[in-house]
mmCIF file of all heavy atoms, coordinates in Angstrom:
data_MODEL
# 
_entry.id   MODEL 
# 
loop_
_atom_site.group_PDB 
_atom_site.id 
_atom_site.type_symbol 
_atom_site.label_atom_id 
_atom_site.label_alt_id 
_atom_site.label_comp_id 
_atom_site.label_asym_id 
_atom_site.label_entity_id 
_atom_site.label_seq_id 
_atom_site.pdbx_PDB_ins_code 
_atom_site.Cartn_x 
_atom_site.Cartn_y 
_atom_site.Cartn_z 
_atom_site.occupancy 
_atom_site.B_iso_or_equiv 
_atom_site.pdbx_formal_charge 
_atom_site.auth_seq_id 
_atom_site.auth_comp_id 
_atom_site.auth_asym_id 
_atom_site.auth_atom_id 
_atom_site.pdbx_PDB_model_num 
ATOM 1   N N   . TRP A 1 1  ? 45.849 -20.278 -2.229  1.00 0.00 ? 1  TRP A N   1 
ATOM 2   C CA  . TRP A 1 1  ? 45.283 -20.516 -3.521  1.00 0.00 ? 1  TRP A CA  1 
ATOM 3   C C   . TRP A 1 1  ? 43.952 -21.223 -3.449  1.00 0.00 ? 1  TRP A C   1 
ATOM 4   O O   . TRP A 1 1  ? 43.077 -21.069 -4.254  1.00 0.00 ? 1  TRP A O   1 
ATOM 5   C CB  . TRP A 1 1  ? 46.300 -21.249 -4.510  1.00 0.00 ? 1  TRP A CB  1 
ATOM 6   C CG  . TRP A 1 1  ? 47.422 -20.467 -4.791  1.00 0.00 ? 1  TRP A CG  1 
ATOM 7   C CD1 . TRP A 1 1  ? 48.815 -20.673 -4.387  1.00 0.00 ? 1  TRP A CD1 1 
ATOM 8   C CD2 . TRP A 1 1  ? 47.565 -19.270 -5.631  1.00 0.00 ? 1  TRP A CD2 1 
ATOM 9   N NE1 . TRP A 1 1  ? 49.561 -19.733 -4.887  1.00 0.00 ? 1  TRP A NE1 1 
ATOM 10  C CE2 . TRP A 1 1  ? 48.871 -18.832 -5.650  1.00 0.00 ? 1  TRP A CE2 1 
ATOM 11  C CE3 . TRP A 1 1  ? 46.606 -18.578 -6.318  1.00 0.00 ? 1  TRP A CE3 1 
ATOM 12  C CZ2 . TRP A 1 1  ? 49.289 -17.640 -6.391  1.00 0.00 ? 1  TRP A CZ2 1 
ATOM 13  C CZ3 . TRP A 1 1  ? 46.929 -17.333 -7.059  1.00 0.00 ? 1  TRP A CZ3 1 
ATOM 14  C CH2 . TRP A 1 1  ? 48.253 -16.946 -7.077  1.00 0.00 ? 1  TRP A CH2 1 
ATOM 15  N N   . VAL A 1 2  ? 43.832 -22.058 -2.411  1.00 0.00 ? 2  VAL A N   1 
ATOM 16  C CA  . VAL A 1 2  ? 42.554 -22.727 -2.160  1.00 0.00 ? 2  VAL A CA  1 
ATOM 17  C C   . VAL A 1 2  ? 41.460 -21.752 -1.629  1.00 0.00 ? 2  VAL A C   1 
ATOM 18  O O   . VAL A 1 2  ? 40.416 -21.608 -2.156  1.00 0.00 ? 2  VAL A O   1 
ATOM 19  C CB  . VAL A 1 2  ? 42.733 -23.923 -1.273  1.00 0.00 ? 2  VAL A CB  1 
ATOM 20  C CG1 . VAL A 1 2  ? 41.393 -24.562 -0.794  1.00 0.00 ? 2  VAL A CG1 1 
ATOM 21  C CG2 . VAL A 1 2  ? 43.613 -25.067 -1.756  1.00 0.00 ? 2  VAL A CG2 1 
ATOM 22  N N   . ASN A 1 3  ? 41.858 -21.021 -0.608  1.00 0.00 ? 3  ASN A N   1 
ATOM 23  C CA  . ASN A 1 3  ? 40.896 -20.206 0.136   1.00 0.00 ? 3  ASN A CA  1 
ATOM 24  C C   . ASN A 1 3  ? 40.600 -18.843 -0.525  1.00 0.00 ? 3  ASN A C   1 
ATOM 25  O O   . ASN A 1 3  ? 39.514 -18.342 -0.375  1.00 0.00 ? 3  ASN A O   1 
ATOM 26  C CB  . ASN A 1 3  ? 41.443 -19.910 1.583   1.00 0.00 ? 3  ASN A CB  1 
ATOM 27  C CG  . ASN A 1 3  ? 41.416 -21.183 2.507   1.00 0.00 ? 3  ASN A CG  1 
ATOM 28  O OD1 . ASN A 1 3  ? 40.774 -22.196 2.022   1.00 0.00 ? 3  ASN A OD1 1 
ATOM 29  N ND2 . ASN A 1 3  ? 41.985 -21.118 3.514   1.00 0.00 ? 3  ASN A ND2 1 
ATOM 30  N N   . ASP A 1 4  ? 41.647 -18.371 -1.197  1.00 0.00 ? 4  ASP A N   1 
ATOM 31  C CA  . ASP A 1 4  ? 41.473 -17.024 -1.830  1.00 0.00 ? 4  ASP A CA  1 
ATOM 32  C C   . ASP A 1 4  ? 41.255 -17.032 -3.315  1.00 0.00 ? 4  ASP A C   1 
ATOM 33  O O   . ASP A 1 4  ? 40.858 -15.969 -3.895  1.00 0.00 ? 4  ASP A O   1 
ATOM 34  C CB  . ASP A 1 4  ? 42.613 -16.091 -1.419  1.00 0.00 ? 4  ASP A CB  1 
ATOM 35  C CG  . ASP A 1 4  ? 42.772 -15.814 0.064   1.00 0.00 ? 4  ASP A CG  1 
ATOM 36  O OD1 . ASP A 1 4  ? 42.735 -16.783 0.807   1.00 0.00 ? 4  ASP A OD1 1 
ATOM 37  O OD2 . ASP A 1 4  ? 42.757 -14.627 0.385   1.00 0.00 ? 4  ASP A OD2 1 
ATOM 38  N N   . ALA A 1 5  ? 41.675 -18.065 -3.965  1.00 0.00 ? 5  ALA A N   1 
ATOM 39  C CA  . ALA A 1 5  ? 41.475 -18.071 -5.413  1.00 0.00 ? 5  ALA A CA  1 
ATOM 40  C C   . ALA A 1 5  ? 40.483 -19.193 -5.853  1.00 0.00 ? 5  ALA A C   1 
ATOM 41  O O   . ALA A 1 5  ? 39.497 -18.784 -6.568  1.00 0.00 ? 5  ALA A O   1 
ATOM 42  C CB  . ALA A 1 5  ? 42.845 -18.427 -5.975  1.00 0.00 ? 5  ALA A CB  1 
ATOM 43  N N   . LEU A 1 6  ? 40.697 -20.411 -5.494  1.00 0.00 ? 6  LEU A N   1 
ATOM 44  C CA  . LEU A 1 6  ? 39.693 -21.451 -5.913  1.00 0.00 ? 6  LEU A CA  1 
ATOM 45  C C   . LEU A 1 6  ? 38.358 -21.146 -5.366  1.00 0.00 ? 6  LEU A C   1 
ATOM 46  O O   . LEU A 1 6  ? 37.333 -21.475 -6.042  1.00 0.00 ? 6  LEU A O   1 
ATOM 47  C CB  . LEU A 1 6  ? 40.306 -22.782 -5.318  1.00 0.00 ? 6  LEU A CB  1 
ATOM 48  C CG  . LEU A 1 6  ? 39.777 -24.057 -6.137  1.00 0.00 ? 6  LEU A CG  1 
ATOM 49  C CD1 . LEU A 1 6  ? 40.106 -24.071 -7.539  1.00 0.00 ? 6  LEU A CD1 1 
ATOM 50  C CD2 . LEU A 1 6  ? 40.388 -25.262 -5.445  1.00 0.00 ? 6  LEU A CD2 1 
ATOM 51  N N   . MET A 1 7  ? 38.250 -20.699 -4.124  1.00 0.00 ? 7  MET A N   1 
ATOM 52  C CA  . MET A 1 7  ? 36.894 -20.391 -3.622  1.00 0.00 ? 7  MET A CA  1 
ATOM 53  C C   . MET A 1 7  ? 36.209 -19.254 -4.258  1.00 0.00 ? 7  MET A C   1 
ATOM 54  O O   . MET A 1 7  ? 34.912 -19.044 -4.043  1.00 0.00 ? 7  MET A O   1 
ATOM 55  C CB  . MET A 1 7  ? 37.048 -20.125 -2.065  1.00 0.00 ? 7  MET A CB  1 
ATOM 56  C CG  . MET A 1 7  ? 37.227 -21.386 -1.174  1.00 0.00 ? 7  MET A CG  1 
ATOM 57  S SD  . MET A 1 7  ? 35.855 -22.575 -1.318  1.00 0.00 ? 7  MET A SD  1 
ATOM 58  C CE  . MET A 1 7  ? 34.689 -21.703 -0.189  1.00 0.00 ? 7  MET A CE  1 
ATOM 59  N N   . THR A 1 8  ? 36.898 -18.558 -5.054  1.00 0.00 ? 8  THR A N   1 
ATOM 60  C CA  . THR A 1 8  ? 36.300 -17.461 -5.849  1.00 0.00 ? 8  THR A CA  1 
ATOM 61  C C   . THR A 1 8  ? 35.205 -18.050 -6.781  1.00 0.00 ? 8  THR A C   1 
ATOM 62  O O   . THR A 1 8  ? 34.177 -17.496 -7.041  1.00 0.00 ? 8  THR A O   1 
ATOM 63  C CB  . THR A 1 8  ? 37.325 -16.642 -6.691  1.00 0.00 ? 8  THR A CB  1 
ATOM 64  O OG1 . THR A 1 8  ? 38.333 -16.036 -5.692  1.00 0.00 ? 8  THR A OG1 1 
ATOM 65  C CG2 . THR A 1 8  ? 36.625 -15.429 -7.443  1.00 0.00 ? 8  THR A CG2 1 
ATOM 66  N N   . VAL A 1 9  ? 35.479 -19.238 -7.343  1.00 0.00 ? 9  VAL A N   1 
ATOM 67  C CA  . VAL A 1 9  ? 34.581 -19.907 -8.135  1.00 0.00 ? 9  VAL A CA  1 
ATOM 68  C C   . VAL A 1 9  ? 33.292 -20.385 -7.345  1.00 0.00 ? 9  VAL A C   1 
ATOM 69  O O   . VAL A 1 9  ? 32.215 -20.234 -7.903  1.00 0.00 ? 9  VAL A O   1 
ATOM 70  C CB  . VAL A 1 9  ? 35.275 -21.224 -8.815  1.00 0.00 ? 9  VAL A CB  1 
ATOM 71  C CG1 . VAL A 1 9  ? 34.238 -21.807 -9.827  1.00 0.00 ? 9  VAL A CG1 1 
ATOM 72  C CG2 . VAL A 1 9  ? 36.520 -20.757 -9.591  1.00 0.00 ? 9  VAL A CG2 1 
ATOM 73  N N   . PHE A 1 10 ? 33.591 -20.769 -6.135  1.00 0.00 ? 10 PHE A N   1 
ATOM 74  C CA  . PHE A 1 10 ? 32.463 -21.063 -5.302  1.00 0.00 ? 10 PHE A CA  1 
ATOM 75  C C   . PHE A 1 10 ? 31.512 -19.839 -5.072  1.00 0.00 ? 10 PHE A C   1 
ATOM 76  O O   . PHE A 1 10 ? 30.240 -19.899 -5.250  1.00 0.00 ? 10 PHE A O   1 
ATOM 77  C CB  . PHE A 1 10 ? 32.898 -21.505 -3.926  1.00 0.00 ? 10 PHE A CB  1 
ATOM 78  C CG  . PHE A 1 10 ? 31.891 -21.550 -2.769  1.00 0.00 ? 10 PHE A CG  1 
ATOM 79  C CD1 . PHE A 1 10 ? 30.984 -22.563 -2.696  1.00 0.00 ? 10 PHE A CD1 1 
ATOM 80  C CD2 . PHE A 1 10 ? 31.855 -20.499 -1.908  1.00 0.00 ? 10 PHE A CD2 1 
ATOM 81  C CE1 . PHE A 1 10 ? 30.111 -22.623 -1.637  1.00 0.00 ? 10 PHE A CE1 1 
ATOM 82  C CE2 . PHE A 1 10 ? 30.848 -20.544 -0.931  1.00 0.00 ? 10 PHE A CE2 1 
ATOM 83  C CZ  . PHE A 1 10 ? 30.055 -21.566 -0.790  1.00 0.00 ? 10 PHE A CZ  1 
ATOM 84  N N   . PHE A 1 11 ? 32.181 -18.772 -4.922  1.00 0.00 ? 11 PHE A N   1 
ATOM 85  C CA  . PHE A 1 11 ? 31.348 -17.514 -4.694  1.00 0.00 ? 11 PHE A CA  1 
ATOM 86  C C   . PHE A 1 11 ? 30.744 -17.021 -6.016  1.00 0.00 ? 11 PHE A C   1 
ATOM 87  O O   . PHE A 1 11 ? 29.731 -16.376 -6.016  1.00 0.00 ? 11 PHE A O   1 
ATOM 88  C CB  . PHE A 1 11 ? 32.181 -16.423 -4.083  1.00 0.00 ? 11 PHE A CB  1 
ATOM 89  C CG  . PHE A 1 11 ? 32.383 -16.505 -2.616  1.00 0.00 ? 11 PHE A CG  1 
ATOM 90  C CD1 . PHE A 1 11 ? 33.420 -17.161 -1.934  1.00 0.00 ? 11 PHE A CD1 1 
ATOM 91  C CD2 . PHE A 1 11 ? 31.415 -16.014 -1.727  1.00 0.00 ? 11 PHE A CD2 1 
ATOM 92  C CE1 . PHE A 1 11 ? 33.548 -17.254 -0.634  1.00 0.00 ? 11 PHE A CE1 1 
ATOM 93  C CE2 . PHE A 1 11 ? 31.444 -16.220 -0.362  1.00 0.00 ? 11 PHE A CE2 1 
ATOM 94  C CZ  . PHE A 1 11 ? 32.578 -16.774 0.248   1.00 0.00 ? 11 PHE A CZ  1 
ATOM 95  N N   . LEU A 1 12 ? 31.394 -17.342 -7.178  1.00 0.00 ? 12 LEU A N   1 
ATOM 96  C CA  . LEU A 1 12 ? 30.820 -16.961 -8.396  1.00 0.00 ? 12 LEU A CA  1 
ATOM 97  C C   . LEU A 1 12 ? 29.438 -17.723 -8.564  1.00 0.00 ? 12 LEU A C   1 
ATOM 98  O O   . LEU A 1 12 ? 28.438 -17.136 -9.056  1.00 0.00 ? 12 LEU A O   1 
ATOM 99  C CB  . LEU A 1 12 ? 31.762 -17.437 -9.544  1.00 0.00 ? 12 LEU A CB  1 
ATOM 100 C CG  . LEU A 1 12 ? 31.248 -17.336 -10.989 1.00 0.00 ? 12 LEU A CG  1 
ATOM 101 C CD1 . LEU A 1 12 ? 30.828 -15.867 -11.266 1.00 0.00 ? 12 LEU A CD1 1 
ATOM 102 C CD2 . LEU A 1 12 ? 32.197 -17.824 -11.932 1.00 0.00 ? 12 LEU A CD2 1 
ATOM 103 N N   . VAL A 1 13 ? 29.549 -19.059 -8.316  1.00 0.00 ? 13 VAL A N   1 
ATOM 104 C CA  . VAL A 1 13 ? 28.205 -19.765 -8.339  1.00 0.00 ? 13 VAL A CA  1 
ATOM 105 C C   . VAL A 1 13 ? 27.159 -19.263 -7.394  1.00 0.00 ? 13 VAL A C   1 
ATOM 106 O O   . VAL A 1 13 ? 26.086 -19.155 -7.687  1.00 0.00 ? 13 VAL A O   1 
ATOM 107 C CB  . VAL A 1 13 ? 28.466 -21.295 -8.130  1.00 0.00 ? 13 VAL A CB  1 
ATOM 108 C CG1 . VAL A 1 13 ? 27.215 -22.059 -7.930  1.00 0.00 ? 13 VAL A CG1 1 
ATOM 109 C CG2 . VAL A 1 13 ? 29.317 -21.929 -9.251  1.00 0.00 ? 13 VAL A CG2 1 
ATOM 110 N N   . VAL A 1 14 ? 27.621 -18.839 -6.169  1.00 0.00 ? 14 VAL A N   1 
ATOM 111 C CA  . VAL A 1 14 ? 26.659 -18.218 -5.199  1.00 0.00 ? 14 VAL A CA  1 
ATOM 112 C C   . VAL A 1 14 ? 26.088 -17.080 -5.720  1.00 0.00 ? 14 VAL A C   1 
ATOM 113 O O   . VAL A 1 14 ? 24.818 -16.843 -5.659  1.00 0.00 ? 14 VAL A O   1 
ATOM 114 C CB  . VAL A 1 14 ? 27.475 -17.924 -3.865  1.00 0.00 ? 14 VAL A CB  1 
ATOM 115 C CG1 . VAL A 1 14 ? 26.514 -17.094 -2.882  1.00 0.00 ? 14 VAL A CG1 1 
ATOM 116 C CG2 . VAL A 1 14 ? 27.779 -19.282 -3.064  1.00 0.00 ? 14 VAL A CG2 1 
ATOM 117 N N   . GLY A 1 15 ? 26.878 -16.195 -6.393  1.00 0.00 ? 15 GLY A N   1 
ATOM 118 C CA  . GLY A 1 15 ? 26.358 -14.960 -6.956  1.00 0.00 ? 15 GLY A CA  1 
ATOM 119 C C   . GLY A 1 15 ? 25.352 -15.279 -8.123  1.00 0.00 ? 15 GLY A C   1 
ATOM 120 O O   . GLY A 1 15 ? 24.355 -14.520 -8.096  1.00 0.00 ? 15 GLY A O   1 
ATOM 121 N N   . MET A 1 16 ? 25.659 -16.278 -8.966  1.00 0.00 ? 16 MET A N   1 
ATOM 122 C CA  . MET A 1 16 ? 24.654 -16.528 -9.924  1.00 0.00 ? 16 MET A CA  1 
ATOM 123 C C   . MET A 1 16 ? 23.389 -17.151 -9.420  1.00 0.00 ? 16 MET A C   1 
ATOM 124 O O   . MET A 1 16 ? 22.356 -16.918 -9.953  1.00 0.00 ? 16 MET A O   1 
ATOM 125 C CB  . MET A 1 16 ? 25.299 -17.451 -10.993 1.00 0.00 ? 16 MET A CB  1 
ATOM 126 C CG  . MET A 1 16 ? 26.424 -16.877 -11.846 1.00 0.00 ? 16 MET A CG  1 
ATOM 127 S SD  . MET A 1 16 ? 27.065 -17.691 -13.186 1.00 0.00 ? 16 MET A SD  1 
ATOM 128 C CE  . MET A 1 16 ? 28.063 -18.952 -12.315 1.00 0.00 ? 16 MET A CE  1 
ATOM 129 N N   . GLU A 1 17 ? 23.434 -17.953 -8.335  1.00 0.00 ? 17 GLU A N   1 
ATOM 130 C CA  . GLU A 1 17 ? 22.345 -18.432 -7.633  1.00 0.00 ? 17 GLU A CA  1 
ATOM 131 C C   . GLU A 1 17 ? 21.399 -17.289 -7.133  1.00 0.00 ? 17 GLU A C   1 
ATOM 132 O O   . GLU A 1 17 ? 20.168 -17.269 -7.398  1.00 0.00 ? 17 GLU A O   1 
ATOM 133 C CB  . GLU A 1 17 ? 22.612 -19.312 -6.481  1.00 0.00 ? 17 GLU A CB  1 
ATOM 134 C CG  . GLU A 1 17 ? 23.167 -20.767 -6.910  1.00 0.00 ? 17 GLU A CG  1 
ATOM 135 C CD  . GLU A 1 17 ? 23.623 -21.568 -5.610  1.00 0.00 ? 17 GLU A CD  1 
ATOM 136 O OE1 . GLU A 1 17 ? 23.310 -21.093 -4.551  1.00 0.00 ? 17 GLU A OE1 1 
ATOM 137 O OE2 . GLU A 1 17 ? 24.419 -22.479 -5.803  1.00 0.00 ? 17 GLU A OE2 1 
ATOM 138 N N   . ILE A 1 18 ? 22.051 -16.355 -6.579  1.00 0.00 ? 18 ILE A N   1 
ATOM 139 C CA  . ILE A 1 18 ? 21.401 -15.218 -6.082  1.00 0.00 ? 18 ILE A CA  1 
ATOM 140 C C   . ILE A 1 18 ? 20.708 -14.402 -7.181  1.00 0.00 ? 18 ILE A C   1 
ATOM 141 O O   . ILE A 1 18 ? 19.587 -14.019 -7.144  1.00 0.00 ? 18 ILE A O   1 
ATOM 142 C CB  . ILE A 1 18 ? 22.321 -14.245 -5.189  1.00 0.00 ? 18 ILE A CB  1 
ATOM 143 C CG1 . ILE A 1 18 ? 22.723 -14.947 -3.933  1.00 0.00 ? 18 ILE A CG1 1 
ATOM 144 C CG2 . ILE A 1 18 ? 21.601 -13.048 -4.859  1.00 0.00 ? 18 ILE A CG2 1 
ATOM 145 C CD1 . ILE A 1 18 ? 23.912 -14.276 -3.243  1.00 0.00 ? 18 ILE A CD1 1 
ATOM 146 N N   . ARG A 1 19 ? 21.457 -14.174 -8.289  1.00 0.00 ? 19 ARG A N   1 
ATOM 147 C CA  . ARG A 1 19 ? 21.046 -13.429 -9.453  1.00 0.00 ? 19 ARG A CA  1 
ATOM 148 C C   . ARG A 1 19 ? 19.775 -14.116 -9.962  1.00 0.00 ? 19 ARG A C   1 
ATOM 149 O O   . ARG A 1 19 ? 18.772 -13.470 -10.353 1.00 0.00 ? 19 ARG A O   1 
ATOM 150 C CB  . ARG A 1 19 ? 22.163 -13.298 -10.526 1.00 0.00 ? 19 ARG A CB  1 
ATOM 151 C CG  . ARG A 1 19 ? 21.749 -12.506 -11.694 1.00 0.00 ? 19 ARG A CG  1 
ATOM 152 C CD  . ARG A 1 19 ? 21.539 -10.974 -11.390 1.00 0.00 ? 19 ARG A CD  1 
ATOM 153 N NE  . ARG A 1 19 ? 21.154 -10.253 -12.559 1.00 0.00 ? 19 ARG A NE  1 
ATOM 154 C CZ  . ARG A 1 19 ? 19.843 -9.943  -12.846 1.00 0.00 ? 19 ARG A CZ  1 
ATOM 155 N NH1 . ARG A 1 19 ? 18.845 -10.364 -12.047 1.00 0.00 ? 19 ARG A NH1 1 
ATOM 156 N NH2 . ARG A 1 19 ? 19.548 -9.261  -13.941 1.00 0.00 ? 19 ARG A NH2 1 
ATOM 157 N N   . ARG A 1 20 ? 19.875 -15.429 -10.156 1.00 0.00 ? 20 ARG A N   1 
ATOM 158 C CA  . ARG A 1 20 ? 18.713 -16.174 -10.792 1.00 0.00 ? 20 ARG A CA  1 
ATOM 159 C C   . ARG A 1 20 ? 17.445 -16.089 -9.889  1.00 0.00 ? 20 ARG A C   1 
ATOM 160 O O   . ARG A 1 20 ? 16.411 -15.981 -10.468 1.00 0.00 ? 20 ARG A O   1 
ATOM 161 C CB  . ARG A 1 20 ? 19.133 -17.635 -10.996 1.00 0.00 ? 20 ARG A CB  1 
ATOM 162 C CG  . ARG A 1 20 ? 18.142 -18.476 -11.659 1.00 0.00 ? 20 ARG A CG  1 
ATOM 163 C CD  . ARG A 1 20 ? 18.710 -19.872 -12.073 1.00 0.00 ? 20 ARG A CD  1 
ATOM 164 N NE  . ARG A 1 20 ? 19.540 -20.395 -11.107 1.00 0.00 ? 20 ARG A NE  1 
ATOM 165 C CZ  . ARG A 1 20 ? 19.056 -21.126 -10.059 1.00 0.00 ? 20 ARG A CZ  1 
ATOM 166 N NH1 . ARG A 1 20 ? 17.719 -21.303 -9.876  1.00 0.00 ? 20 ARG A NH1 1 
ATOM 167 N NH2 . ARG A 1 20 ? 19.850 -21.700 -9.133  1.00 0.00 ? 20 ARG A NH2 1 
ATOM 168 N N   . GLU A 1 21 ? 17.645 -16.269 -8.564  1.00 0.00 ? 21 GLU A N   1 
ATOM 169 C CA  . GLU A 1 21 ? 16.570 -16.273 -7.664  1.00 0.00 ? 21 GLU A CA  1 
ATOM 170 C C   . GLU A 1 21 ? 15.874 -14.921 -7.683  1.00 0.00 ? 21 GLU A C   1 
ATOM 171 O O   . GLU A 1 21 ? 14.653 -14.748 -7.523  1.00 0.00 ? 21 GLU A O   1 
ATOM 172 C CB  . GLU A 1 21 ? 17.009 -16.687 -6.293  1.00 0.00 ? 21 GLU A CB  1 
ATOM 173 C CG  . GLU A 1 21 ? 17.315 -18.121 -6.214  1.00 0.00 ? 21 GLU A CG  1 
ATOM 174 C CD  . GLU A 1 21 ? 16.269 -19.154 -6.371  1.00 0.00 ? 21 GLU A CD  1 
ATOM 175 O OE1 . GLU A 1 21 ? 15.110 -18.766 -5.903  1.00 0.00 ? 21 GLU A OE1 1 
ATOM 176 O OE2 . GLU A 1 21 ? 16.390 -20.196 -7.009  1.00 0.00 ? 21 GLU A OE2 1 
ATOM 177 N N   . ILE A 1 22 ? 16.614 -13.820 -7.660  1.00 0.00 ? 22 ILE A N   1 
ATOM 178 C CA  . ILE A 1 22 ? 16.098 -12.513 -7.682  1.00 0.00 ? 22 ILE A CA  1 
ATOM 179 C C   . ILE A 1 22 ? 15.328 -12.237 -9.028  1.00 0.00 ? 22 ILE A C   1 
ATOM 180 O O   . ILE A 1 22 ? 14.221 -11.602 -9.000  1.00 0.00 ? 22 ILE A O   1 
ATOM 181 C CB  . ILE A 1 22 ? 17.213 -11.443 -7.563  1.00 0.00 ? 22 ILE A CB  1 
ATOM 182 C CG1 . ILE A 1 22 ? 17.808 -11.552 -6.138  1.00 0.00 ? 22 ILE A CG1 1 
ATOM 183 C CG2 . ILE A 1 22 ? 16.630 -10.045 -7.826  1.00 0.00 ? 22 ILE A CG2 1 
ATOM 184 C CD1 . ILE A 1 22 ? 18.958 -10.561 -5.931  1.00 0.00 ? 22 ILE A CD1 1 
ATOM 185 N N   . HIS A 1 23 ? 15.823 -12.887 -10.080 1.00 0.00 ? 23 HIS A N   1 
ATOM 186 C CA  . HIS A 1 23 ? 15.161 -12.629 -11.380 1.00 0.00 ? 23 HIS A CA  1 
ATOM 187 C C   . HIS A 1 23 ? 13.774 -13.385 -11.548 1.00 0.00 ? 23 HIS A C   1 
ATOM 188 O O   . HIS A 1 23 ? 12.873 -12.798 -11.952 1.00 0.00 ? 23 HIS A O   1 
ATOM 189 C CB  . HIS A 1 23 ? 16.066 -12.979 -12.529 1.00 0.00 ? 23 HIS A CB  1 
ATOM 190 C CG  . HIS A 1 23 ? 15.452 -12.972 -13.901 1.00 0.00 ? 23 HIS A CG  1 
ATOM 191 N ND1 . HIS A 1 23 ? 15.011 -11.877 -14.443 1.00 0.00 ? 23 HIS A ND1 1 
ATOM 192 C CD2 . HIS A 1 23 ? 15.209 -14.009 -14.867 1.00 0.00 ? 23 HIS A CD2 1 
ATOM 193 C CE1 . HIS A 1 23 ? 14.563 -12.096 -15.642 1.00 0.00 ? 23 HIS A CE1 1 
ATOM 194 N NE2 . HIS A 1 23 ? 14.597 -13.411 -15.868 1.00 0.00 ? 23 HIS A NE2 1 
ATOM 195 N N   . GLU A 1 24 ? 13.849 -14.745 -11.274 1.00 0.00 ? 24 GLU A N   1 
ATOM 196 C CA  . GLU A 1 24 ? 12.576 -15.416 -11.505 1.00 0.00 ? 24 GLU A CA  1 
ATOM 197 C C   . GLU A 1 24 ? 12.474 -16.637 -10.534 1.00 0.00 ? 24 GLU A C   1 
ATOM 198 O O   . GLU A 1 24 ? 11.573 -17.515 -10.738 1.00 0.00 ? 24 GLU A O   1 
ATOM 199 C CB  . GLU A 1 24 ? 12.742 -16.069 -12.848 1.00 0.00 ? 24 GLU A CB  1 
ATOM 200 C CG  . GLU A 1 24 ? 13.941 -16.958 -13.144 1.00 0.00 ? 24 GLU A CG  1 
ATOM 201 C CD  . GLU A 1 24 ? 13.973 -17.479 -14.552 1.00 0.00 ? 24 GLU A CD  1 
ATOM 202 O OE1 . GLU A 1 24 ? 13.059 -17.061 -15.398 1.00 0.00 ? 24 GLU A OE1 1 
ATOM 203 O OE2 . GLU A 1 24 ? 14.787 -18.329 -14.924 1.00 0.00 ? 24 GLU A OE2 1 
ATOM 204 N N   . GLY A 1 25 ? 13.129 -16.512 -9.359  1.00 0.00 ? 25 GLY A N   1 
ATOM 205 C CA  . GLY A 1 25 ? 12.887 -17.556 -8.315  1.00 0.00 ? 25 GLY A CA  1 
ATOM 206 C C   . GLY A 1 25 ? 12.165 -17.090 -7.145  1.00 0.00 ? 25 GLY A C   1 
ATOM 207 O O   . GLY A 1 25 ? 11.315 -16.186 -7.290  1.00 0.00 ? 25 GLY A O   1 
# 
């Protein structure tokens, strides 16, 4: 639950960082 579920939120933030940087970063 830590590595496969909770870390999904970590990857969600990573995905949003990438999306924001591609858009205007």
